[in-house]
Amino acid sequence: MASKIKVDTLETANGSGTIALSNQLSGMTTASLPALTGAQMPAGSVLQVINAITTTEVSSTSSTYADTGLTAAITPSSTSSKILVVVHQNGFRKYSGDGYANIKLLRATTLIAQLGVSTGYTASTGTVELGTIGTSYLDSPNTTSATTYKTQFANNPATGTITIQVNSVVSTITLIEIKG
C-alpha cells in the first residue's frame, strides 16, 4: 500500500535554510536544480549557437577574393569541440560579361571549404540571377580562442560584375559548437 503525506509547507527545523530532497518526486511541478555545465554534457551535445546575417550588397569586377560581409565569431569551450558552420549566401546576380562567382569559406584566413566554383557561368553577356550558394561544414578548430568564420567571393575571369545580397536579401551564417 502506498503512503501519502499532505502538507502545505515544508520547513527546516529552525525555519530557515533549504530542504535537500534525495529521491525523485513524482508529480513535482517546480524545483530548484543546479545548472548543467558543458563539462557534464555528453559528446555530441550542442553547447552554443551563434548566428549572424548581412544584407549589405557587395559587388566585384575582380578575380581577387573579397569579403562578402558575412562573418561570425565563436569561442569554443574546449579544444575537442567541433564547429558546424551553416552558410546561406543569397542574392547573386551577374551583370554583363561572361564571368562567374567563386565562393569560399574561411576560418580566420585559412580556406576550409570552396562553396561555389564557376557558379553562374552562362557564356552570355546578359544579366542573370544566380540565386543561393549554401553549405554545411563540420570544422575542428582545435582552439579555445575566439574564432572567426567568413565567406569571400571573386569574379572570374573578371569580366562584367558579380553582386551578392542584391536588393538587400539576407545571407546567414550559423556556428554551432558541438561537444567532442
Foldseek 3Di string as FASTA:
>chain_A
DDDDDDDDDDAPPVRDDDDDDDDDDPPDDDDDDDDDAPVNDDFFDWDDKDKDKWLDKDKALFQDKDFQPAKDKDFAPALAKKKKKKKKFFWKKFAFDQKAKWKFKDWPNHTDGTFDDRQPGDRGGHMDTRTITIDIDIGRPRHRDMIMMGMIMGIPPSPTMMMTSPPRDMIMMMIIITGD
